[in-house]
N, C-alpha and C. Protein backbone atom coordinates (compact mmCIF):
# COMPACT_ATOMS: atom_id res chain seq x y z
N MET A 1 35.60 -9.74 93.67
CA MET A 1 34.59 -8.66 93.99
C MET A 1 33.53 -8.82 92.96
N ASN A 2 32.25 -8.74 93.31
CA ASN A 2 31.11 -8.81 92.40
C ASN A 2 30.73 -7.39 92.06
N LYS A 3 30.65 -7.13 90.71
CA LYS A 3 30.37 -5.85 90.09
C LYS A 3 28.92 -5.54 90.15
N SER A 4 28.54 -4.35 90.75
CA SER A 4 27.21 -3.95 90.58
C SER A 4 26.93 -3.29 89.28
N ILE A 5 25.75 -3.52 88.80
CA ILE A 5 25.31 -2.97 87.44
C ILE A 5 23.91 -2.34 87.65
N LEU A 6 23.51 -1.44 86.75
CA LEU A 6 22.28 -0.83 86.59
C LEU A 6 21.50 -1.24 85.34
N ILE A 7 20.26 -1.57 85.46
CA ILE A 7 19.51 -1.99 84.33
C ILE A 7 18.40 -0.98 84.25
N HIS A 8 18.43 -0.20 83.12
CA HIS A 8 17.24 0.72 82.82
C HIS A 8 16.33 0.02 81.97
N ILE A 9 15.01 0.04 82.31
CA ILE A 9 13.99 -0.71 81.60
C ILE A 9 13.00 0.14 80.87
N GLU A 10 12.98 -0.04 79.56
CA GLU A 10 12.05 0.71 78.63
C GLU A 10 10.85 -0.15 78.42
N PRO A 11 9.68 0.26 78.29
CA PRO A 11 9.26 1.64 78.25
C PRO A 11 8.75 2.09 79.58
N HIS A 12 9.10 1.43 80.69
CA HIS A 12 8.55 1.51 81.92
C HIS A 12 9.37 2.68 82.75
N GLU A 13 10.46 3.12 82.18
CA GLU A 13 11.40 4.10 82.88
C GLU A 13 11.57 3.74 84.27
N VAL A 14 12.09 2.56 84.48
CA VAL A 14 12.44 2.01 85.80
C VAL A 14 13.81 1.53 85.82
N GLU A 15 14.59 1.76 86.78
CA GLU A 15 15.91 1.35 86.96
C GLU A 15 16.09 0.37 88.16
N VAL A 16 16.64 -0.76 87.93
CA VAL A 16 16.93 -1.76 89.01
C VAL A 16 18.46 -2.00 89.00
N SER A 17 18.89 -2.42 90.15
CA SER A 17 20.35 -2.75 90.33
C SER A 17 20.42 -4.28 90.27
N GLY A 18 21.56 -4.70 89.86
CA GLY A 18 21.82 -6.13 89.85
C GLY A 18 23.43 -6.40 90.03
N GLN A 19 23.80 -7.55 89.94
CA GLN A 19 25.21 -8.02 90.18
C GLN A 19 25.66 -8.73 88.83
N ALA A 20 26.82 -8.60 88.49
CA ALA A 20 27.41 -9.23 87.16
C ALA A 20 27.26 -10.73 87.35
N SER A 21 27.24 -11.27 88.51
CA SER A 21 27.08 -12.83 88.79
C SER A 21 25.71 -13.25 88.65
N GLU A 22 24.71 -12.39 88.49
CA GLU A 22 23.41 -12.96 88.35
C GLU A 22 22.84 -12.61 86.92
N THR A 23 21.92 -13.36 86.42
CA THR A 23 21.31 -13.12 85.10
C THR A 23 20.43 -11.79 85.10
N VAL A 24 20.25 -11.20 83.94
CA VAL A 24 19.34 -10.11 83.93
C VAL A 24 18.02 -10.53 84.51
N LEU A 25 17.47 -11.68 84.14
CA LEU A 25 16.22 -12.14 84.66
C LEU A 25 16.21 -12.11 86.17
N GLN A 26 17.26 -12.68 86.81
CA GLN A 26 17.34 -12.80 88.25
C GLN A 26 17.23 -11.33 88.90
N ALA A 27 17.84 -10.42 88.26
CA ALA A 27 17.72 -8.99 88.83
C ALA A 27 16.41 -8.41 88.61
N LEU A 28 15.74 -8.78 87.50
CA LEU A 28 14.29 -8.25 87.21
C LEU A 28 13.37 -8.92 88.05
N MET A 29 13.51 -10.20 88.32
CA MET A 29 12.62 -10.98 89.24
C MET A 29 12.67 -10.40 90.71
N GLY A 30 13.78 -10.04 91.10
CA GLY A 30 13.98 -9.47 92.41
C GLY A 30 13.46 -8.08 92.66
N GLN A 31 13.43 -7.26 91.54
CA GLN A 31 13.14 -5.90 91.79
C GLN A 31 12.16 -5.26 90.84
N PHE A 32 11.61 -6.12 89.77
CA PHE A 32 10.85 -5.55 88.79
C PHE A 32 9.41 -6.21 88.66
N TYR A 33 9.55 -7.44 88.26
CA TYR A 33 8.33 -8.29 88.09
C TYR A 33 7.62 -8.55 89.41
N GLY A 34 6.24 -8.39 89.41
CA GLY A 34 5.44 -8.59 90.55
C GLY A 34 5.47 -7.47 91.57
N ARG A 35 6.00 -6.21 91.05
CA ARG A 35 5.94 -5.02 91.85
C ARG A 35 5.34 -3.97 90.97
N GLY A 36 4.80 -2.89 91.61
CA GLY A 36 4.27 -1.68 90.93
C GLY A 36 3.13 -1.99 89.98
N GLY A 37 2.39 -3.06 90.40
CA GLY A 37 1.24 -3.44 89.48
C GLY A 37 1.61 -4.25 88.28
N ARG A 38 2.88 -4.61 88.15
CA ARG A 38 3.30 -5.51 87.08
C ARG A 38 3.13 -7.00 87.49
N PRO A 39 2.80 -7.77 86.59
CA PRO A 39 2.52 -9.19 86.87
C PRO A 39 3.87 -9.94 87.15
N ALA A 40 3.78 -10.99 87.94
CA ALA A 40 4.86 -11.80 88.16
C ALA A 40 5.33 -12.46 87.00
N PHE A 41 6.67 -12.79 86.92
CA PHE A 41 7.23 -13.45 85.76
C PHE A 41 6.82 -14.86 85.63
N TYR A 42 6.44 -15.22 84.41
CA TYR A 42 6.12 -16.59 84.15
C TYR A 42 7.02 -17.08 83.01
N GLY A 43 7.53 -18.23 83.05
CA GLY A 43 8.41 -18.72 82.01
C GLY A 43 9.39 -19.76 82.60
N CYS A 44 10.08 -20.49 81.72
CA CYS A 44 10.80 -21.62 82.10
C CYS A 44 12.12 -21.23 82.87
N ARG A 45 12.62 -20.17 82.64
CA ARG A 45 13.94 -19.67 83.18
C ARG A 45 15.14 -20.48 82.81
N ARG A 46 15.02 -21.21 81.65
CA ARG A 46 16.09 -22.12 81.19
C ARG A 46 16.43 -21.82 79.74
N GLY A 47 15.81 -20.85 79.07
CA GLY A 47 16.16 -20.64 77.65
C GLY A 47 15.36 -21.46 76.72
N GLY A 48 14.26 -21.95 77.15
CA GLY A 48 13.43 -22.76 76.27
C GLY A 48 12.13 -22.34 75.80
N CYS A 49 11.59 -21.22 76.41
CA CYS A 49 10.33 -20.73 76.06
C CYS A 49 10.21 -19.28 75.35
N GLY A 50 11.22 -18.59 75.70
CA GLY A 50 11.17 -17.17 75.15
C GLY A 50 10.41 -16.08 75.85
N ALA A 51 9.84 -16.43 77.07
CA ALA A 51 9.04 -15.52 77.77
C ALA A 51 9.90 -14.44 78.20
N CYS A 52 11.15 -14.52 78.39
CA CYS A 52 12.05 -13.52 78.85
C CYS A 52 12.79 -12.81 77.80
N LYS A 53 12.38 -12.90 76.52
CA LYS A 53 13.03 -12.26 75.34
C LYS A 53 12.86 -10.77 75.51
N MET A 54 13.95 -10.07 75.31
CA MET A 54 13.82 -8.59 75.32
C MET A 54 14.90 -7.99 74.42
N LYS A 55 14.87 -6.72 74.11
CA LYS A 55 15.87 -6.12 73.28
C LYS A 55 16.83 -5.36 74.16
N LEU A 56 18.06 -5.61 73.85
CA LEU A 56 19.15 -4.94 74.50
C LEU A 56 19.39 -3.72 73.63
N LEU A 57 19.22 -2.49 74.26
CA LEU A 57 19.34 -1.19 73.57
C LEU A 57 20.65 -0.58 73.84
N ALA A 58 21.32 -0.91 75.05
CA ALA A 58 22.64 -0.32 75.32
C ALA A 58 23.20 -1.23 76.28
N GLY A 59 24.62 -1.32 76.17
CA GLY A 59 25.35 -2.14 77.11
C GLY A 59 25.77 -3.46 76.60
N TYR A 60 26.27 -4.33 77.34
CA TYR A 60 26.88 -5.58 76.95
C TYR A 60 26.44 -6.72 77.91
N VAL A 61 26.05 -7.82 77.25
CA VAL A 61 25.74 -9.04 78.03
C VAL A 61 26.61 -10.20 77.60
N ASP A 62 26.88 -11.09 78.41
CA ASP A 62 27.42 -12.42 78.14
C ASP A 62 26.27 -13.40 78.01
N HIS A 63 25.91 -13.66 76.76
CA HIS A 63 24.64 -14.48 76.52
C HIS A 63 25.15 -16.00 76.40
N ASN A 64 24.76 -16.77 77.37
CA ASN A 64 24.98 -18.12 77.37
C ASN A 64 24.51 -18.76 75.96
N GLU A 65 25.21 -19.69 75.41
CA GLU A 65 24.94 -20.29 74.22
C GLU A 65 23.96 -21.44 74.29
N THR A 66 23.54 -21.89 75.46
CA THR A 66 22.67 -22.99 75.51
C THR A 66 21.24 -22.51 75.71
N TYR A 67 20.50 -22.60 74.70
CA TYR A 67 19.17 -22.15 74.64
C TYR A 67 18.45 -22.69 73.42
N SER A 68 17.12 -22.67 73.37
CA SER A 68 16.41 -23.10 72.30
C SER A 68 16.35 -22.03 71.09
N GLN A 69 16.62 -22.56 69.93
CA GLN A 69 16.54 -21.63 68.72
C GLN A 69 15.02 -21.30 68.49
N THR A 70 14.09 -21.99 69.08
CA THR A 70 12.71 -21.62 69.10
C THR A 70 12.51 -20.37 69.85
N ALA A 71 13.12 -20.29 71.09
CA ALA A 71 12.95 -19.22 71.99
C ALA A 71 13.65 -17.95 71.46
N LEU A 72 14.78 -18.02 70.76
CA LEU A 72 15.49 -16.86 70.21
C LEU A 72 16.19 -17.40 68.99
N SER A 73 15.86 -16.85 67.80
CA SER A 73 16.44 -17.19 66.58
C SER A 73 17.71 -16.49 66.30
N ASN A 74 18.53 -16.94 65.49
CA ASN A 74 19.84 -16.27 65.04
C ASN A 74 19.50 -14.90 64.59
N GLU A 75 18.38 -14.69 63.82
CA GLU A 75 18.03 -13.40 63.27
C GLU A 75 17.62 -12.45 64.38
N GLU A 76 16.86 -12.95 65.30
CA GLU A 76 16.54 -12.08 66.52
C GLU A 76 17.72 -11.66 67.28
N ARG A 77 18.68 -12.58 67.48
CA ARG A 77 19.93 -12.36 68.21
C ARG A 77 20.67 -11.26 67.46
N SER A 78 20.82 -11.36 66.11
CA SER A 78 21.57 -10.42 65.37
C SER A 78 20.83 -8.91 65.46
N GLU A 79 19.57 -8.97 65.70
CA GLU A 79 18.88 -7.71 65.89
C GLU A 79 18.91 -7.11 67.24
N GLY A 80 19.68 -7.83 68.18
CA GLY A 80 19.84 -7.29 69.54
C GLY A 80 19.00 -7.88 70.61
N TYR A 81 18.22 -8.91 70.31
CA TYR A 81 17.35 -9.52 71.24
C TYR A 81 18.20 -10.46 72.12
N ILE A 82 17.78 -10.53 73.37
CA ILE A 82 18.50 -11.51 74.29
C ILE A 82 17.47 -12.31 74.98
N LEU A 83 17.85 -13.37 75.69
CA LEU A 83 17.06 -14.14 76.58
C LEU A 83 17.60 -13.63 77.99
N ALA A 84 16.80 -13.04 78.71
CA ALA A 84 17.27 -12.49 80.01
C ALA A 84 17.68 -13.58 80.97
N CYS A 85 17.11 -14.74 80.81
CA CYS A 85 17.49 -15.87 81.77
C CYS A 85 18.86 -16.50 81.38
N LYS A 86 19.42 -16.14 80.18
CA LYS A 86 20.66 -16.64 79.80
C LYS A 86 21.74 -15.49 79.64
N SER A 87 21.38 -14.31 80.09
CA SER A 87 22.33 -13.20 79.81
C SER A 87 22.80 -12.65 81.17
N TYR A 88 24.11 -12.49 81.24
CA TYR A 88 24.85 -11.98 82.40
C TYR A 88 25.36 -10.64 81.92
N PRO A 89 25.04 -9.57 82.85
CA PRO A 89 25.49 -8.18 82.40
C PRO A 89 26.88 -8.02 82.48
N GLY A 90 27.43 -7.41 81.49
CA GLY A 90 28.92 -7.06 81.41
C GLY A 90 29.15 -5.49 81.64
N SER A 91 27.98 -4.89 81.68
CA SER A 91 28.09 -3.44 81.90
C SER A 91 26.66 -2.96 82.32
N ASP A 92 26.47 -1.67 82.62
CA ASP A 92 25.17 -1.13 82.83
C ASP A 92 24.40 -1.39 81.54
N LEU A 93 23.07 -1.62 81.70
CA LEU A 93 22.26 -1.95 80.50
C LEU A 93 21.07 -0.98 80.29
N THR A 94 20.54 -0.97 79.14
CA THR A 94 19.23 -0.40 78.80
C THR A 94 18.54 -1.47 78.06
N ILE A 95 17.40 -1.91 78.44
CA ILE A 95 16.64 -2.93 77.84
C ILE A 95 15.24 -2.49 77.49
N ARG A 96 14.64 -3.03 76.45
CA ARG A 96 13.25 -2.84 76.18
C ARG A 96 12.50 -4.23 76.41
N ILE A 97 11.60 -4.22 77.26
CA ILE A 97 10.73 -5.30 77.44
C ILE A 97 9.43 -5.15 76.61
N PRO A 98 9.28 -6.12 75.67
CA PRO A 98 7.98 -6.02 74.92
C PRO A 98 6.73 -6.13 75.79
N GLU A 99 5.76 -5.33 75.30
CA GLU A 99 4.42 -5.45 76.08
C GLU A 99 3.85 -6.83 75.77
N ARG A 100 3.53 -7.53 76.84
CA ARG A 100 2.91 -8.79 76.90
C ARG A 100 1.61 -8.71 77.56
N ASP A 101 0.67 -9.54 77.13
CA ASP A 101 -0.64 -9.61 77.78
C ASP A 101 -0.59 -10.70 78.88
N ASP A 102 -0.83 -10.28 80.09
CA ASP A 102 -0.85 -11.19 81.30
C ASP A 102 -2.01 -12.19 81.05
N PRO A 103 -1.72 -13.47 81.25
CA PRO A 103 -2.81 -14.50 80.98
C PRO A 103 -4.03 -14.24 81.93
N LEU A 104 -3.75 -14.01 83.23
CA LEU A 104 -4.81 -13.71 84.17
C LEU A 104 -5.65 -12.50 83.66
N ALA A 105 -5.09 -11.46 83.45
CA ALA A 105 -5.73 -10.24 82.98
C ALA A 105 -6.56 -10.60 81.63
N ARG A 106 -6.04 -11.28 80.82
CA ARG A 106 -6.81 -11.66 79.61
C ARG A 106 -8.05 -12.48 79.92
N TYR A 107 -7.84 -13.36 80.77
CA TYR A 107 -8.96 -14.17 81.29
C TYR A 107 -10.13 -13.30 81.89
N LEU A 108 -9.59 -12.40 82.74
CA LEU A 108 -10.60 -11.57 83.53
C LEU A 108 -11.39 -10.68 82.49
N ARG A 109 -10.80 -10.35 81.39
CA ARG A 109 -11.55 -9.61 80.41
C ARG A 109 -12.57 -10.39 79.50
N THR A 110 -12.45 -11.73 79.57
CA THR A 110 -13.39 -12.49 78.78
C THR A 110 -14.88 -12.36 79.08
N ASP A 111 -15.81 -12.64 78.26
CA ASP A 111 -17.17 -12.50 78.40
C ASP A 111 -17.66 -13.32 79.61
N ARG A 112 -17.01 -14.46 79.84
CA ARG A 112 -17.48 -15.37 81.00
C ARG A 112 -17.22 -14.59 82.37
N MET A 113 -16.28 -13.72 82.49
CA MET A 113 -15.92 -13.03 83.72
C MET A 113 -16.59 -11.63 83.86
N GLN A 114 -17.16 -11.09 82.78
CA GLN A 114 -17.81 -9.86 82.87
C GLN A 114 -18.99 -9.94 83.84
N GLY A 115 -19.05 -8.90 84.71
CA GLY A 115 -20.13 -8.85 85.56
C GLY A 115 -19.85 -9.56 86.94
N ILE A 116 -18.76 -10.40 87.00
CA ILE A 116 -18.55 -11.14 88.29
C ILE A 116 -17.82 -10.20 89.21
N PHE A 117 -16.96 -9.39 88.74
CA PHE A 117 -16.17 -8.49 89.60
C PHE A 117 -16.67 -7.07 89.58
């Protein structure tokens, strides 16, 4: 039987459901990224880039050990950070997704794009 879990996302105050058999990132890609005005997820999805780095505030994850130390340092991991693409939920979770600047939004704010839209 596949266990259902809930993921509460700070600072967005959004809750999504997932399965213990899918990574945290898979649950977020299905119900969070690209919805409600949020940008789609960009990143390698293999633990190499760190785009899915977030802080685990509550709950437990089984964090796969195969990932780049550049993407997540031992110090960051000891501070509670995880790579969502490498983390399988072991319980309901509360996570904090750092604010990131969407590359397209940043480009649209440049001087070259002012006055076009």
